[in-house]
Amino acid sequence: MSIRAHNLKTCLYSGFDIVAPFVAFLPMLDYLKLGHYDERLGGLDSPTTNQRFFRIEAGKLFDQTYLFRRREIEPHDHG
């Protein structure tokens, strides 16, 4: 029985910076996170990150990294 039969999502994380080694696994995955962690560049929530988070649909990768970025909260003018 597969994970998807239980309505669960699958994700693979690799420190590799390229997709090529994982192409055969894409049909089994919902998400793929790539890129080694570099403290200077930060994680997925950093605008300078080298890491990428992809949603996979029909074998195509859609970059969703932007979803992890912290949103700056603007101060409200109560004036």
N, C-alpha and C. Protein backbone atom coordinates (compact mmCIF):
# COMPACT_ATOMS: atom_id res chain seq x y z
N MET A 1 0.85 -1.17 0.00
CA MET A 1 0.00 0.00 0.00
C MET A 1 0.90 1.24 0.00
N SER A 2 0.53 2.21 -0.79
CA SER A 2 1.36 3.40 -0.92
C SER A 2 0.99 4.47 0.10
N ILE A 3 1.88 5.38 0.29
CA ILE A 3 1.66 6.52 1.18
C ILE A 3 0.45 7.32 0.70
N ARG A 4 0.35 7.50 -0.59
CA ARG A 4 -0.75 8.29 -1.15
C ARG A 4 -2.11 7.66 -0.88
N ALA A 5 -2.16 6.33 -0.74
CA ALA A 5 -3.41 5.65 -0.41
C ALA A 5 -3.91 6.10 0.96
N HIS A 6 -3.02 6.61 1.80
CA HIS A 6 -3.37 7.12 3.12
C HIS A 6 -3.54 8.64 3.11
N ASN A 7 -3.57 9.21 1.91
CA ASN A 7 -3.75 10.65 1.73
C ASN A 7 -2.62 11.46 2.37
N LEU A 8 -1.41 10.93 2.35
CA LEU A 8 -0.23 11.62 2.87
C LEU A 8 0.62 12.14 1.73
N LYS A 9 1.36 13.19 1.97
CA LYS A 9 2.26 13.77 0.97
C LYS A 9 3.67 13.25 1.18
N THR A 10 4.45 13.24 0.10
CA THR A 10 5.84 12.79 0.17
C THR A 10 6.77 13.92 -0.25
N CYS A 11 7.92 13.97 0.42
CA CYS A 11 8.92 14.99 0.13
C CYS A 11 10.30 14.37 0.28
N LEU A 12 11.21 14.75 -0.59
CA LEU A 12 12.60 14.30 -0.50
C LEU A 12 13.47 15.53 -0.34
N TYR A 13 14.36 15.49 0.63
CA TYR A 13 15.34 16.57 0.79
C TYR A 13 16.71 16.03 0.49
N SER A 14 17.46 16.76 -0.32
CA SER A 14 18.83 16.39 -0.62
C SER A 14 19.69 17.65 -0.59
N GLY A 15 20.91 17.49 -0.16
CA GLY A 15 21.87 18.57 -0.19
C GLY A 15 22.43 18.80 -1.59
N PHE A 16 22.05 17.94 -2.55
CA PHE A 16 22.46 18.15 -3.94
C PHE A 16 21.85 19.45 -4.43
N ASP A 17 22.51 20.08 -5.37
CA ASP A 17 22.02 21.34 -5.93
C ASP A 17 21.35 21.16 -7.28
N ILE A 18 21.24 19.91 -7.75
CA ILE A 18 20.64 19.66 -9.07
C ILE A 18 19.55 18.59 -8.97
N VAL A 19 18.61 18.63 -9.89
CA VAL A 19 17.46 17.72 -9.91
C VAL A 19 17.81 16.38 -10.55
N ALA A 20 18.75 16.36 -11.48
CA ALA A 20 19.02 15.18 -12.31
C ALA A 20 19.06 13.84 -11.56
N PRO A 21 19.71 13.72 -10.40
CA PRO A 21 19.76 12.41 -9.72
C PRO A 21 18.39 11.92 -9.23
N PHE A 22 17.39 12.79 -9.22
CA PHE A 22 16.10 12.44 -8.64
C PHE A 22 14.96 12.34 -9.64
N VAL A 23 15.26 12.49 -10.91
CA VAL A 23 14.23 12.48 -11.95
C VAL A 23 13.38 11.20 -11.88
N ALA A 24 14.00 10.06 -11.65
CA ALA A 24 13.27 8.79 -11.60
C ALA A 24 12.30 8.73 -10.42
N PHE A 25 12.54 9.53 -9.38
CA PHE A 25 11.70 9.51 -8.19
C PHE A 25 10.54 10.51 -8.26
N LEU A 26 10.59 11.44 -9.19
CA LEU A 26 9.58 12.50 -9.25
C LEU A 26 8.15 11.98 -9.27
N PRO A 27 7.83 10.89 -9.99
CA PRO A 27 6.44 10.40 -9.97
C PRO A 27 5.97 9.94 -8.58
N MET A 28 6.89 9.67 -7.70
CA MET A 28 6.54 9.19 -6.36
C MET A 28 6.50 10.31 -5.33
N LEU A 29 6.85 11.52 -5.74
CA LEU A 29 6.99 12.63 -4.80
C LEU A 29 5.96 13.72 -5.04
N ASP A 30 5.63 14.42 -3.96
CA ASP A 30 4.80 15.62 -4.05
C ASP A 30 5.65 16.88 -3.97
N TYR A 31 6.78 16.76 -3.25
CA TYR A 31 7.68 17.90 -3.04
C TYR A 31 9.13 17.45 -3.10
N LEU A 32 10.00 18.38 -3.47
CA LEU A 32 11.43 18.12 -3.52
C LEU A 32 12.15 19.37 -3.02
N LYS A 33 13.02 19.18 -2.04
CA LYS A 33 13.83 20.29 -1.53
C LYS A 33 15.28 19.99 -1.89
N LEU A 34 15.92 20.94 -2.53
CA LEU A 34 17.30 20.76 -2.97
C LEU A 34 18.18 21.88 -2.45
N GLY A 35 19.46 21.57 -2.32
CA GLY A 35 20.46 22.56 -1.97
C GLY A 35 21.05 22.34 -0.59
N HIS A 36 22.36 22.36 -0.55
CA HIS A 36 23.04 22.22 0.74
C HIS A 36 22.78 23.47 1.58
N TYR A 37 22.84 23.30 2.89
CA TYR A 37 22.64 24.45 3.77
C TYR A 37 23.94 25.23 3.88
N ASP A 38 23.86 26.50 3.60
CA ASP A 38 25.00 27.41 3.72
C ASP A 38 24.57 28.51 4.69
N GLU A 39 25.15 28.51 5.87
CA GLU A 39 24.75 29.44 6.91
C GLU A 39 24.78 30.90 6.45
N ARG A 40 25.76 31.23 5.62
CA ARG A 40 25.88 32.61 5.12
C ARG A 40 24.67 33.00 4.27
N LEU A 41 24.10 32.02 3.57
CA LEU A 41 22.97 32.29 2.67
C LEU A 41 21.62 32.09 3.35
N GLY A 42 21.61 31.33 4.43
CA GLY A 42 20.37 31.09 5.17
C GLY A 42 19.55 29.94 4.60
N GLY A 43 18.47 29.65 5.30
CA GLY A 43 17.56 28.57 4.90
C GLY A 43 16.49 29.06 3.95
N LEU A 44 15.44 28.28 3.81
CA LEU A 44 14.37 28.62 2.87
C LEU A 44 13.71 29.96 3.17
N ASP A 45 13.76 30.41 4.41
CA ASP A 45 13.11 31.67 4.75
C ASP A 45 13.96 32.90 4.44
N SER A 46 15.16 32.69 3.93
CA SER A 46 16.07 33.79 3.60
C SER A 46 15.99 34.14 2.11
N PRO A 47 15.92 35.42 1.78
CA PRO A 47 15.89 35.81 0.36
C PRO A 47 17.19 35.49 -0.39
N THR A 48 18.26 35.19 0.35
CA THR A 48 19.54 34.89 -0.31
C THR A 48 19.85 33.40 -0.35
N THR A 49 18.91 32.55 0.05
CA THR A 49 19.17 31.12 0.14
C THR A 49 19.55 30.49 -1.21
N ASN A 50 20.36 29.48 -1.13
CA ASN A 50 20.69 28.70 -2.31
C ASN A 50 19.77 27.47 -2.42
N GLN A 51 18.95 27.24 -1.40
CA GLN A 51 18.05 26.09 -1.38
C GLN A 51 16.78 26.39 -2.16
N ARG A 52 16.16 25.33 -2.70
CA ARG A 52 14.91 25.48 -3.44
C ARG A 52 13.92 24.42 -3.00
N PHE A 53 12.66 24.80 -2.92
CA PHE A 53 11.60 23.88 -2.55
C PHE A 53 10.61 23.84 -3.71
N PHE A 54 10.40 22.64 -4.26
CA PHE A 54 9.55 22.47 -5.43
C PHE A 54 8.31 21.65 -5.10
N ARG A 55 7.18 22.05 -5.67
CA ARG A 55 5.97 21.23 -5.69
C ARG A 55 6.03 20.48 -7.01
N ILE A 56 5.64 19.21 -7.00
CA ILE A 56 5.72 18.39 -8.21
C ILE A 56 4.31 18.01 -8.63
N GLU A 57 3.99 18.32 -9.87
CA GLU A 57 2.70 17.94 -10.44
C GLU A 57 2.92 17.45 -11.85
N ALA A 58 2.43 16.25 -12.12
CA ALA A 58 2.53 15.65 -13.45
C ALA A 58 3.98 15.66 -13.96
N GLY A 59 4.92 15.41 -13.03
CA GLY A 59 6.33 15.34 -13.41
C GLY A 59 7.00 16.69 -13.62
N LYS A 60 6.27 17.77 -13.40
CA LYS A 60 6.84 19.11 -13.57
C LYS A 60 7.11 19.72 -12.21
N LEU A 61 8.20 20.50 -12.14
CA LEU A 61 8.60 21.15 -10.90
C LEU A 61 8.13 22.60 -10.89
N PHE A 62 7.53 23.00 -9.78
CA PHE A 62 7.09 24.36 -9.60
C PHE A 62 7.78 24.91 -8.35
N ASP A 63 8.61 25.93 -8.54
CA ASP A 63 9.38 26.50 -7.44
C ASP A 63 8.44 27.18 -6.46
N GLN A 64 8.44 26.70 -5.22
CA GLN A 64 7.59 27.23 -4.17
C GLN A 64 8.40 27.85 -3.04
N THR A 65 9.67 28.10 -3.29
CA THR A 65 10.57 28.62 -2.27
C THR A 65 10.04 29.91 -1.65
N TYR A 66 9.44 30.74 -2.46
CA TYR A 66 8.94 32.03 -1.98
C TYR A 66 7.93 31.89 -0.83
N LEU A 67 7.26 30.74 -0.73
CA LEU A 67 6.27 30.54 0.33
C LEU A 67 6.89 30.50 1.72
N PHE A 68 8.18 30.27 1.80
CA PHE A 68 8.86 30.15 3.08
C PHE A 68 9.46 31.47 3.55
N ARG A 69 9.45 32.48 2.70
CA ARG A 69 10.06 33.76 3.04
C ARG A 69 9.26 34.46 4.11
N ARG A 70 9.95 35.03 5.06
CA ARG A 70 9.30 35.80 6.10
C ARG A 70 8.72 37.07 5.48
N ARG A 71 7.54 37.38 5.90
CA ARG A 71 6.90 38.61 5.41
C ARG A 71 7.11 39.69 6.45
N GLU A 72 7.57 40.82 6.00
CA GLU A 72 7.78 41.94 6.89
C GLU A 72 6.43 42.54 7.24
N ILE A 73 6.21 42.76 8.51
CA ILE A 73 4.96 43.39 8.94
C ILE A 73 5.20 44.88 9.02
N GLU A 74 4.39 45.61 8.25
CA GLU A 74 4.54 47.06 8.22
C GLU A 74 3.83 47.66 9.43
N PRO A 75 4.47 48.65 10.07
CA PRO A 75 3.81 49.31 11.20
C PRO A 75 2.57 50.05 10.72
N HIS A 76 1.51 49.98 11.51
CA HIS A 76 0.28 50.67 11.16
C HIS A 76 0.36 52.12 11.62
N ASP A 77 -0.15 52.99 10.80
CA ASP A 77 -0.22 54.41 11.16
C ASP A 77 -1.55 54.64 11.85
N HIS A 78 -1.50 54.83 13.15
CA HIS A 78 -2.72 55.05 13.91
C HIS A 78 -3.03 56.54 14.06
N GLY A 79 -2.27 57.37 13.34
CA GLY A 79 -2.33 58.81 13.47
C GLY A 79 -3.57 59.46 13.18
